[in-house]
N, C-alpha and C. Protein backbone atom coordinates (compact mmCIF):
# COMPACT_ATOMS: atom_id res chain seq x y z
N MET A 1 -62.76 -22.47 -27.53
CA MET A 1 -61.26 -22.72 -28.07
C MET A 1 -60.69 -23.95 -28.45
N VAL A 2 -59.42 -23.09 -29.44
CA VAL A 2 -59.18 -24.48 -30.24
C VAL A 2 -58.02 -24.82 -30.08
N LEU A 3 -57.76 -26.10 -30.63
CA LEU A 3 -56.15 -26.73 -30.18
C LEU A 3 -55.86 -27.05 -31.56
N VAL A 4 -54.73 -26.81 -32.45
CA VAL A 4 -54.25 -27.06 -33.77
C VAL A 4 -53.04 -27.18 -33.65
N ILE A 5 -52.85 -29.01 -33.77
CA ILE A 5 -51.46 -29.48 -33.75
C ILE A 5 -51.04 -30.26 -35.34
N ASP A 6 -49.53 -30.29 -35.12
CA ASP A 6 -49.25 -31.06 -36.24
C ASP A 6 -48.55 -31.87 -35.37
N GLY A 7 -48.56 -33.33 -36.26
CA GLY A 7 -47.60 -34.26 -35.51
C GLY A 7 -47.67 -35.66 -36.35
N LEU A 8 -47.14 -36.83 -35.83
CA LEU A 8 -47.07 -37.80 -36.55
C LEU A 8 -47.75 -39.24 -35.76
N LYS A 9 -47.98 -40.28 -36.27
CA LYS A 9 -48.59 -41.41 -35.62
C LYS A 9 -48.82 -42.35 -36.70
N ASN A 10 -48.26 -44.04 -36.61
CA ASN A 10 -47.81 -44.63 -37.26
C ASN A 10 -47.92 -44.59 -38.87
N GLY A 11 -47.01 -43.39 -38.81
CA GLY A 11 -46.70 -43.28 -40.49
C GLY A 11 -47.24 -42.30 -40.96
N VAL A 12 -48.34 -41.98 -40.28
CA VAL A 12 -49.18 -40.53 -41.08
C VAL A 12 -49.06 -39.06 -40.28
N ASN A 13 -48.99 -38.25 -41.45
CA ASN A 13 -49.04 -36.79 -40.52
C ASN A 13 -49.99 -36.19 -40.60
N TRP A 14 -49.99 -35.76 -39.43
CA TRP A 14 -51.26 -34.83 -39.09
C TRP A 14 -50.88 -33.28 -39.23
N HIS A 15 -51.50 -32.43 -40.14
CA HIS A 15 -51.05 -31.02 -40.17
C HIS A 15 -52.62 -30.25 -40.04
N ASN A 16 -52.22 -29.24 -39.11
CA ASN A 16 -53.08 -28.47 -38.77
C ASN A 16 -54.53 -29.51 -38.32
N PHE A 17 -54.13 -30.13 -37.39
CA PHE A 17 -55.52 -31.00 -37.02
C PHE A 17 -55.91 -30.46 -36.13
N THR A 18 -57.56 -29.82 -35.92
CA THR A 18 -58.15 -29.01 -35.02
C THR A 18 -58.80 -29.58 -34.26
N LEU A 19 -59.14 -29.29 -33.14
CA LEU A 19 -60.30 -29.78 -32.04
C LEU A 19 -60.57 -29.21 -31.35
N PHE A 20 -61.48 -29.31 -31.10
CA PHE A 20 -62.41 -28.08 -30.23
C PHE A 20 -62.44 -28.40 -28.57
N VAL A 21 -61.49 -27.55 -28.04
CA VAL A 21 -61.16 -28.08 -26.54
C VAL A 21 -62.05 -26.80 -25.41
N SER A 22 -62.72 -27.47 -24.08
CA SER A 22 -63.63 -26.77 -23.24
C SER A 22 -62.17 -25.47 -22.39
N ASP A 23 -61.38 -25.74 -22.51
CA ASP A 23 -60.08 -25.05 -21.63
C ASP A 23 -59.04 -25.52 -22.02
N GLN A 24 -57.99 -24.60 -21.24
CA GLN A 24 -56.50 -25.13 -21.62
C GLN A 24 -55.72 -26.29 -20.81
N GLU A 25 -56.54 -26.75 -19.42
CA GLU A 25 -56.28 -27.91 -18.84
C GLU A 25 -56.95 -29.10 -19.75
N ALA A 26 -57.79 -28.84 -20.56
CA ALA A 26 -58.36 -29.95 -21.15
C ALA A 26 -57.46 -30.40 -22.62
N ALA A 27 -57.31 -29.13 -23.14
CA ALA A 27 -56.08 -29.23 -24.27
C ALA A 27 -54.64 -29.76 -23.55
N PHE A 28 -54.28 -29.53 -22.63
CA PHE A 28 -53.06 -30.20 -22.21
C PHE A 28 -53.13 -31.39 -21.76
N ASP A 29 -54.24 -31.83 -21.33
CA ASP A 29 -54.19 -33.16 -20.82
C ASP A 29 -54.68 -33.88 -22.44
N LEU A 30 -55.57 -33.47 -23.18
CA LEU A 30 -55.38 -34.08 -24.18
C LEU A 30 -53.87 -34.71 -25.08
N LEU A 31 -53.31 -33.21 -25.10
CA LEU A 31 -52.06 -33.74 -25.66
C LEU A 31 -51.09 -34.68 -25.25
N SER A 32 -50.95 -34.53 -23.87
CA SER A 32 -50.29 -35.46 -23.21
C SER A 32 -50.64 -36.88 -23.38
N THR A 33 -51.95 -36.73 -23.30
CA THR A 33 -52.31 -38.70 -23.37
C THR A 33 -52.05 -39.09 -24.91
N TRP A 34 -52.00 -38.11 -25.98
CA TRP A 34 -51.93 -38.59 -27.03
C TRP A 34 -50.44 -38.97 -27.19
N VAL A 35 -49.40 -38.44 -26.83
CA VAL A 35 -48.55 -38.35 -26.53
C VAL A 35 -47.70 -39.72 -25.94
N ARG A 36 -48.58 -40.17 -24.68
CA ARG A 36 -48.35 -41.10 -23.77
C ARG A 36 -48.81 -42.91 -24.80
N GLU A 37 -49.39 -42.35 -25.97
CA GLU A 37 -50.29 -43.32 -26.72
C GLU A 37 -49.24 -43.44 -28.24
N GLY A 38 -48.05 -42.67 -28.26
CA GLY A 38 -47.69 -42.89 -29.31
C GLY A 38 -47.32 -42.08 -30.64
N PHE A 39 -48.42 -40.81 -30.26
CA PHE A 39 -48.19 -39.54 -30.96
C PHE A 39 -47.10 -38.64 -30.91
N THR A 40 -46.36 -38.56 -32.42
CA THR A 40 -45.11 -37.45 -31.91
C THR A 40 -45.42 -35.81 -32.28
N LEU A 41 -45.24 -35.00 -31.53
CA LEU A 41 -46.06 -33.87 -31.47
C LEU A 41 -44.83 -33.30 -31.90
N GLN A 42 -44.77 -32.38 -32.98
CA GLN A 42 -44.50 -31.58 -34.01
C GLN A 42 -44.56 -30.17 -33.53
N LYS A 43 -45.55 -29.53 -33.56
CA LYS A 43 -46.30 -28.01 -33.15
C LYS A 43 -47.70 -28.11 -32.52
N ALA A 44 -47.69 -27.41 -31.36
CA ALA A 44 -49.01 -27.29 -31.30
C ALA A 44 -49.47 -25.73 -30.85
N ALA A 45 -50.76 -25.08 -30.98
CA ALA A 45 -51.23 -24.09 -30.52
C ALA A 45 -52.58 -24.22 -30.42
N LEU A 46 -53.15 -23.15 -29.12
CA LEU A 46 -54.16 -22.53 -28.60
C LEU A 46 -54.43 -21.56 -29.67
N VAL A 47 -55.73 -21.57 -29.89
CA VAL A 47 -56.67 -20.18 -30.74
C VAL A 47 -57.75 -20.28 -29.51
N ASP A 48 -57.97 -18.92 -29.49
CA ASP A 48 -59.11 -18.43 -28.37
C ASP A 48 -59.39 -16.56 -28.80
N GLY A 49 -60.35 -16.74 -29.43
CA GLY A 49 -60.58 -15.83 -30.10
C GLY A 49 -59.97 -15.13 -31.23
N ASP A 50 -59.13 -14.13 -31.16
CA ASP A 50 -58.19 -13.75 -31.80
C ASP A 50 -56.88 -13.80 -31.46
N SER A 51 -56.69 -14.36 -30.06
CA SER A 51 -55.45 -14.78 -29.97
C SER A 51 -54.79 -16.15 -30.21
N GLN A 52 -53.53 -16.27 -30.93
CA GLN A 52 -52.85 -17.58 -30.80
C GLN A 52 -52.01 -17.63 -29.87
N PHE A 53 -51.75 -19.01 -29.12
CA PHE A 53 -50.54 -19.07 -28.00
C PHE A 53 -49.96 -20.94 -28.58
N GLU A 54 -48.71 -20.41 -29.25
CA GLU A 54 -47.73 -21.63 -29.56
C GLU A 54 -47.42 -22.32 -27.92
N LEU A 55 -47.49 -23.69 -28.44
CA LEU A 55 -47.62 -23.99 -26.95
C LEU A 55 -45.69 -25.11 -26.74
N PRO A 56 -45.58 -25.18 -26.26
CA PRO A 56 -44.15 -25.64 -25.73
C PRO A 56 -44.20 -27.26 -25.78
N ILE A 57 -43.67 -27.91 -27.33
CA ILE A 57 -44.06 -29.37 -27.37
C ILE A 57 -43.58 -30.16 -26.53
N GLU A 58 -42.22 -29.76 -25.96
CA GLU A 58 -41.29 -30.69 -24.94
C GLU A 58 -41.92 -30.81 -23.91
N ALA A 59 -42.94 -29.85 -23.21
CA ALA A 59 -43.46 -30.11 -22.22
C ALA A 59 -44.62 -31.19 -22.32
N PHE A 60 -44.62 -31.64 -23.31
CA PHE A 60 -45.92 -33.11 -23.35
C PHE A 60 -44.69 -34.16 -23.28
N ASP A 61 -44.94 -34.90 -22.30
CA ASP A 61 -44.32 -35.97 -22.22
C ASP A 61 -44.93 -37.37 -21.96
N GLY A 62 -46.11 -37.50 -21.91
CA GLY A 62 -47.04 -38.46 -21.36
C GLY A 62 -47.87 -38.28 -20.06
N SER A 63 -47.69 -37.38 -19.20
CA SER A 63 -47.86 -37.44 -17.73
C SER A 63 -49.22 -36.24 -17.51
N PRO A 64 -50.01 -36.60 -17.12
CA PRO A 64 -51.25 -35.86 -16.98
C PRO A 64 -50.61 -34.46 -16.07
N PHE A 65 -51.66 -33.24 -16.97
CA PHE A 65 -51.08 -31.62 -16.26
C PHE A 65 -52.39 -31.66 -15.20
N GLY A 66 -53.46 -32.14 -15.18
CA GLY A 66 -54.52 -32.17 -14.40
C GLY A 66 -54.19 -31.73 -12.92
N PRO A 67 -53.62 -32.82 -12.22
CA PRO A 67 -53.00 -32.85 -11.00
C PRO A 67 -52.04 -32.03 -10.84
N HIS A 68 -50.86 -31.79 -11.16
CA HIS A 68 -50.18 -30.33 -11.26
C HIS A 68 -51.11 -29.09 -11.07
N LEU A 69 -51.71 -29.11 -12.26
CA LEU A 69 -52.56 -27.68 -12.26
C LEU A 69 -53.28 -27.27 -10.98
N HIS A 70 -54.03 -28.91 -10.48
CA HIS A 70 -54.95 -28.57 -9.24
C HIS A 70 -53.96 -28.35 -7.92
N ASP A 71 -52.64 -29.09 -7.66
CA ASP A 71 -51.96 -28.48 -6.81
C ASP A 71 -51.20 -27.07 -6.60
N LEU A 72 -51.28 -26.63 -8.21
CA LEU A 72 -50.40 -25.51 -8.13
C LEU A 72 -51.54 -24.25 -7.71
N GLN A 73 -53.08 -24.64 -8.31
CA GLN A 73 -53.98 -23.77 -7.57
C GLN A 73 -53.93 -24.02 -6.30
N LYS A 74 -54.11 -25.06 -5.58
CA LYS A 74 -54.30 -24.93 -4.03
C LYS A 74 -53.47 -24.20 -3.86
N GLN A 75 -52.01 -24.03 -3.86
CA GLN A 75 -50.87 -23.35 -3.29
C GLN A 75 -51.04 -21.93 -3.49
N TRP A 76 -51.54 -21.62 -4.42
CA TRP A 76 -51.58 -20.13 -4.44
C TRP A 76 -52.56 -19.67 -4.02
N GLU A 77 -53.75 -20.46 -3.60
CA GLU A 77 -55.17 -20.10 -3.05
C GLU A 77 -54.72 -20.09 -1.59
N GLU A 78 -53.85 -21.20 -1.11
CA GLU A 78 -53.54 -20.84 0.29
C GLU A 78 -52.62 -19.43 0.47
N ALA A 79 -51.84 -19.19 -0.18
CA ALA A 79 -50.69 -18.59 -0.46
C ALA A 79 -51.76 -16.80 -0.21
N LEU A 80 -52.57 -16.48 -1.16
CA LEU A 80 -53.37 -15.48 -1.01
C LEU A 80 -54.26 -15.35 0.18
N LYS A 81 -55.11 -16.77 0.34
CA LYS A 81 -55.82 -16.96 2.04
C LYS A 81 -54.53 -16.59 2.85
N ASP A 82 -53.75 -16.73 3.41
CA ASP A 82 -52.84 -16.47 4.23
C ASP A 82 -52.08 -15.12 4.42
N GLN A 83 -52.96 -14.26 5.11
CA GLN A 83 -52.46 -12.73 4.94
C GLN A 83 -52.75 -12.48 6.46
N THR A 84 -51.54 -12.87 7.07
CA THR A 84 -51.00 -11.81 8.45
C THR A 84 -51.43 -11.18 8.50
N PRO A 85 -51.28 -10.14 9.57
CA PRO A 85 -51.08 -8.88 9.85
C PRO A 85 -49.75 -8.29 9.59
N GLN A 86 -48.48 -9.82 9.47
CA GLN A 86 -47.30 -9.07 9.14
C GLN A 86 -47.14 -8.72 7.90
N SER A 87 -48.02 -9.97 7.45
CA SER A 87 -47.29 -10.04 5.41
C SER A 87 -48.07 -8.77 4.96
N ILE A 88 -49.50 -8.53 5.65
CA ILE A 88 -50.04 -7.21 5.12
C ILE A 88 -49.13 -6.26 5.26
N GLY A 89 -48.50 -6.15 6.28
CA GLY A 89 -47.54 -4.56 6.73
C GLY A 89 -46.64 -4.78 5.92
N LEU A 90 -46.11 -5.93 5.58
CA LEU A 90 -44.77 -5.59 4.58
C LEU A 90 -45.23 -5.72 3.19
N HIS A 91 -46.33 -6.19 2.83
CA HIS A 91 -46.93 -5.51 1.66
C HIS A 91 -46.99 -4.46 1.30
N LYS A 92 -47.52 -3.78 2.50
CA LYS A 92 -47.97 -1.75 2.27
C LYS A 92 -46.67 -1.70 2.20
N GLN A 93 -45.65 -1.99 2.83
CA GLN A 93 -44.08 -0.91 2.85
C GLN A 93 -43.20 -1.57 1.58
N GLN A 94 -43.75 -2.76 0.56
CA GLN A 94 -43.05 -2.96 -0.32
C GLN A 94 -43.87 -1.92 -1.61
N LEU A 95 -45.32 -1.80 -0.99
CA LEU A 95 -46.24 -0.90 -2.07
C LEU A 95 -45.52 0.52 -2.35
N GLN A 96 -45.13 0.87 -1.07
CA GLN A 96 -44.95 2.34 -0.90
C GLN A 96 -43.65 2.29 -1.59
N ASP A 97 -42.22 1.42 -1.14
CA ASP A 97 -40.88 1.46 -1.86
C ASP A 97 -41.45 1.43 -3.30
N TRP A 98 -42.03 0.89 -3.52
CA TRP A 98 -42.28 0.61 -5.42
C TRP A 98 -42.70 2.09 -5.78
N ASN A 99 -43.89 2.88 -5.08
CA ASN A 99 -44.01 3.87 -5.34
C ASN A 99 -43.03 5.35 -5.38
N ARG A 100 -42.11 4.84 -4.44
CA ARG A 100 -41.12 5.90 -4.02
C ARG A 100 -40.18 5.84 -5.44
N ARG A 101 -39.83 4.31 -6.06
CA ARG A 101 -39.16 4.22 -6.70
C ARG A 101 -39.94 4.63 -8.64
N ARG A 102 -40.89 4.72 -8.33
CA ARG A 102 -41.78 5.10 -9.46
C ARG A 102 -41.63 6.47 -9.82
N ILE A 103 -41.51 7.27 -8.78
CA ILE A 103 -41.67 8.86 -8.26
C ILE A 103 -40.45 9.21 -8.44
N ALA A 104 -39.59 8.51 -8.24
CA ALA A 104 -37.96 8.97 -8.58
C ALA A 104 -37.71 8.88 -10.31
N TYR A 105 -38.45 7.67 -10.89
CA TYR A 105 -38.20 7.52 -12.04
C TYR A 105 -39.10 8.44 -13.18
N TYR A 106 -39.84 8.94 -12.98
CA TYR A 106 -40.82 9.99 -13.13
C TYR A 106 -40.05 11.34 -13.37
N VAL A 107 -39.48 11.44 -12.06
CA VAL A 107 -38.53 12.66 -11.92
C VAL A 107 -37.60 12.75 -12.68
N LYS A 108 -36.91 11.71 -12.79
CA LYS A 108 -35.71 11.52 -13.97
C LYS A 108 -36.15 11.80 -15.50
N GLN A 109 -37.48 11.08 -15.85
CA GLN A 109 -38.05 11.49 -16.89
C GLN A 109 -38.59 12.88 -17.53
N ILE A 110 -38.79 13.20 -16.36
CA ILE A 110 -39.48 14.46 -16.54
C ILE A 110 -38.29 15.76 -16.72
N ASN A 111 -37.32 15.50 -15.93
CA ASN A 111 -35.92 16.18 -16.01
C ASN A 111 -35.50 16.23 -17.78
N HIS A 112 -35.30 14.80 -17.59
CA HIS A 112 -35.02 14.61 -19.05
C HIS A 112 -35.59 15.28 -20.37
N GLY A 113 -36.67 15.46 -20.12
CA GLY A 113 -38.02 15.74 -21.15
C GLY A 113 -38.00 17.18 -21.24
N CYS A 114 -37.56 18.07 -19.96
CA CYS A 114 -37.48 19.28 -20.12
C CYS A 114 -36.02 19.65 -20.75
N ASP A 115 -35.31 18.73 -20.18
CA ASP A 115 -33.72 19.57 -20.97
C ASP A 115 -33.77 19.04 -22.60
N LEU A 116 -34.71 17.82 -23.17
CA LEU A 116 -35.11 17.79 -24.80
C LEU A 116 -35.74 18.79 -25.15
N THR A 117 -36.90 19.26 -24.15
CA THR A 117 -37.85 20.29 -24.65
C THR A 117 -37.03 21.66 -25.28
N ALA A 118 -36.02 22.32 -23.94
CA ALA A 118 -35.60 23.24 -24.33
C ALA A 118 -34.23 23.13 -25.26
N LYS A 119 -33.94 22.03 -25.75
CA LYS A 119 -33.00 21.96 -26.60
C LYS A 119 -33.41 22.16 -28.37
N LEU A 120 -34.67 21.10 -28.22
CA LEU A 120 -35.48 21.62 -29.70
C LEU A 120 -35.43 22.42 -29.66
N GLU A 121 -36.40 23.70 -28.79
CA GLU A 121 -36.80 24.71 -28.76
C GLU A 121 -35.58 25.88 -29.07
N LYS A 122 -34.39 25.25 -28.76
CA LYS A 122 -33.37 26.12 -29.19
C LYS A 122 -32.89 26.09 -30.62
N ALA A 123 -33.21 24.88 -31.11
CA ALA A 123 -32.71 24.63 -32.48
C ALA A 123 -33.69 25.27 -33.28
N LEU A 124 -34.96 25.03 -32.72
CA LEU A 124 -36.09 25.67 -33.68
C LEU A 124 -35.50 26.84 -34.21
N GLN A 125 -35.09 27.93 -32.99
CA GLN A 125 -35.04 29.24 -32.88
C GLN A 125 -33.91 29.49 -33.69
N LYS A 126 -32.90 28.42 -33.64
CA LYS A 126 -32.05 28.76 -34.46
C LYS A 126 -32.27 28.35 -36.32
N THR A 127 -32.99 27.67 -36.29
CA THR A 127 -33.30 27.36 -37.99
C THR A 127 -34.08 28.45 -38.52
N ARG A 128 -35.11 29.20 -37.61
CA ARG A 128 -35.91 29.78 -38.25
C ARG A 128 -35.35 31.38 -38.23
N HIS A 129 -33.96 31.43 -37.93
CA HIS A 129 -33.01 32.93 -37.98
C HIS A 129 -31.84 32.38 -39.06
N GLN A 130 -32.04 30.84 -39.68
CA GLN A 130 -31.11 30.84 -40.68
C GLN A 130 -31.65 31.27 -42.25
N ARG A 131 -30.85 31.66 -43.08
CA ARG A 131 -31.17 32.22 -44.58
C ARG A 131 -32.15 30.93 -44.87
N ASP A 132 -32.61 31.37 -45.74
CA ASP A 132 -34.02 30.45 -46.67
C ASP A 132 -32.61 29.92 -47.54
N THR A 133 -33.49 28.23 -47.08
CA THR A 133 -32.78 27.10 -48.11
C THR A 133 -34.06 26.32 -48.15
N PRO A 134 -34.13 25.30 -49.53
CA PRO A 134 -35.07 24.48 -49.83
C PRO A 134 -35.41 23.63 -48.39
N LEU A 135 -34.65 23.55 -47.64
CA LEU A 135 -35.33 22.42 -46.50
C LEU A 135 -35.93 23.12 -45.39
N LYS A 136 -35.74 24.17 -45.11
CA LYS A 136 -35.34 25.33 -43.57
C LYS A 136 -37.02 24.78 -43.38
N ASP A 137 -37.92 25.13 -44.69
CA ASP A 137 -39.32 25.18 -44.14
C ASP A 137 -39.51 23.49 -43.52
N GLN A 138 -38.90 22.61 -44.17
CA GLN A 138 -39.21 21.21 -43.72
C GLN A 138 -38.84 20.68 -42.66
N LEU A 139 -37.47 21.41 -42.07
CA LEU A 139 -36.97 21.28 -40.82
C LEU A 139 -37.75 21.80 -39.56
N ILE A 140 -38.14 23.31 -39.84
CA ILE A 140 -39.21 23.92 -39.00
C ILE A 140 -39.99 23.08 -38.73
N ARG A 141 -40.93 22.12 -39.97
CA ARG A 141 -41.97 21.88 -39.50
C ARG A 141 -41.75 20.51 -38.44
N GLN A 142 -40.72 19.58 -39.05
CA GLN A 142 -39.97 18.82 -38.28
C GLN A 142 -39.79 19.13 -36.82
N TYR A 143 -38.82 20.11 -36.57
CA TYR A 143 -39.13 20.50 -34.75
C TYR A 143 -40.31 20.71 -34.39
N GLU A 144 -41.09 21.69 -34.92
CA GLU A 144 -42.51 21.58 -34.44
C GLU A 144 -43.22 20.43 -34.21
N TRP A 145 -43.37 19.76 -34.63
CA TRP A 145 -43.67 18.18 -34.50
C TRP A 145 -42.63 17.97 -33.51
N LEU A 146 -41.54 17.69 -33.45
CA LEU A 146 -41.12 16.64 -32.14
C LEU A 146 -41.37 17.36 -30.68
N LEU A 147 -41.04 19.06 -31.03
CA LEU A 147 -41.89 19.31 -29.88
C LEU A 147 -43.03 19.04 -29.67
N HIS A 148 -44.33 19.24 -30.30
CA HIS A 148 -45.56 19.23 -29.70
C HIS A 148 -45.60 17.33 -29.45
N SER A 149 -44.84 16.58 -30.05
CA SER A 149 -44.79 15.12 -29.30
C SER A 149 -43.86 15.26 -28.15
N GLN A 150 -43.08 15.98 -28.09
CA GLN A 150 -42.27 15.80 -26.83
C GLN A 150 -43.14 16.56 -25.32
N ASN A 151 -43.81 17.70 -25.98
CA ASN A 151 -44.58 18.31 -24.97
C ASN A 151 -46.35 17.49 -24.30
N GLN A 152 -45.98 16.26 -25.39
CA GLN A 152 -47.36 15.63 -25.00
C GLN A 152 -46.93 14.39 -23.68
N LEU A 153 -45.86 14.13 -24.42
CA LEU A 153 -45.04 13.27 -23.47
C LEU A 153 -44.66 13.48 -22.43
N LEU A 154 -44.20 14.77 -22.41
CA LEU A 154 -44.04 15.49 -21.14
C LEU A 154 -45.07 15.33 -20.09
N SER A 155 -46.37 16.05 -20.43
CA SER A 155 -47.50 15.94 -20.26
C SER A 155 -48.09 14.95 -19.57
N GLU A 156 -48.02 13.71 -19.92
CA GLU A 156 -47.76 12.56 -19.48
C GLU A 156 -47.12 12.03 -18.64
N MET A 157 -46.27 12.45 -18.81
CA MET A 157 -45.30 12.19 -17.44
C MET A 157 -45.58 12.43 -16.41
N LYS A 158 -46.06 14.14 -16.29
CA LYS A 158 -46.51 14.83 -15.04
C LYS A 158 -47.38 14.21 -14.51
N THR A 159 -48.75 13.66 -15.15
CA THR A 159 -49.38 13.33 -14.90
C THR A 159 -49.12 11.89 -13.97
N PHE A 160 -48.78 10.81 -14.41
CA PHE A 160 -48.08 9.58 -13.84
C PHE A 160 -47.52 9.93 -12.73
N TYR A 161 -46.62 10.98 -12.59
CA TYR A 161 -45.43 11.23 -11.66
C TYR A 161 -46.86 11.87 -10.47
N GLN A 162 -47.76 12.88 -10.80
CA GLN A 162 -48.92 13.05 -9.78
C GLN A 162 -49.78 11.67 -9.47
N ARG A 163 -50.30 10.96 -10.13
CA ARG A 163 -50.80 9.70 -9.93
C ARG A 163 -49.69 8.84 -8.70
N ALA A 164 -48.81 8.58 -9.21
CA ALA A 164 -47.84 8.30 -8.01
C ALA A 164 -47.41 8.89 -6.59
N LEU A 165 -47.71 10.04 -7.02
CA LEU A 165 -47.52 10.97 -5.52
C LEU A 165 -49.07 10.44 -4.85
N ASP A 166 -50.29 10.77 -5.29
CA ASP A 166 -51.12 10.47 -4.41
C ASP A 166 -51.43 9.04 -4.35
N HIS A 167 -50.78 7.90 -5.12
CA HIS A 167 -51.27 6.79 -4.61
C HIS A 167 -50.29 6.43 -3.47
N LEU A 168 -48.89 6.98 -3.29
CA LEU A 168 -48.01 6.63 -2.13
C LEU A 168 -48.57 7.63 -0.85
N HIS A 169 -49.68 8.92 -0.87
CA HIS A 169 -50.19 9.21 -0.05
C HIS A 169 -50.88 8.55 0.74
N ARG A 170 -52.38 8.16 -0.03
CA ARG A 170 -53.26 7.42 0.35
C ARG A 170 -52.83 6.17 0.90
N ASN A 171 -51.58 5.46 0.58
CA ASN A 171 -51.76 4.44 0.93
C ASN A 171 -50.76 4.45 2.15
N SER A 172 -49.87 5.77 2.53
CA SER A 172 -49.09 5.86 3.71
C SER A 172 -49.97 6.31 5.15
N GLN A 173 -51.21 6.76 5.00
CA GLN A 173 -52.08 7.12 5.93
C GLN A 173 -52.84 5.87 6.61
């Protein structure tokens, strides 16, 4: 992981200054320490493989990050560990509600897709029966492509709908 920074210290501009860091926490603590020692941070980014993450420079005020990150980690570990039967039942009910909303969404999308398909087919048939014009063949190809794309999308929606139904039935038993 690489930390790339721009900033100013003692009248010297630092542009694209690059440091190798072991992890995000080390990068955050390093930046915070430098700000505490008088470095004016203008830009900061973490590069990890092909990904680059711009860091919010206003978050680095000189205070250490490590203790806060460790406290946060302890809190979410406790929250995940504290699974009472009531919280598990509540989670299961929320999951079922979410699946029901997904199913309703997919039903609407499938109905909308069927309506759109019917309209496209009607427009295609109407175009095929028109007199020959220079653009008729191009328009027919466009309608055929739209129909093909719409049918693929409709097929995917039906697959997602079925998966949501299966998931709801598996989790309701």
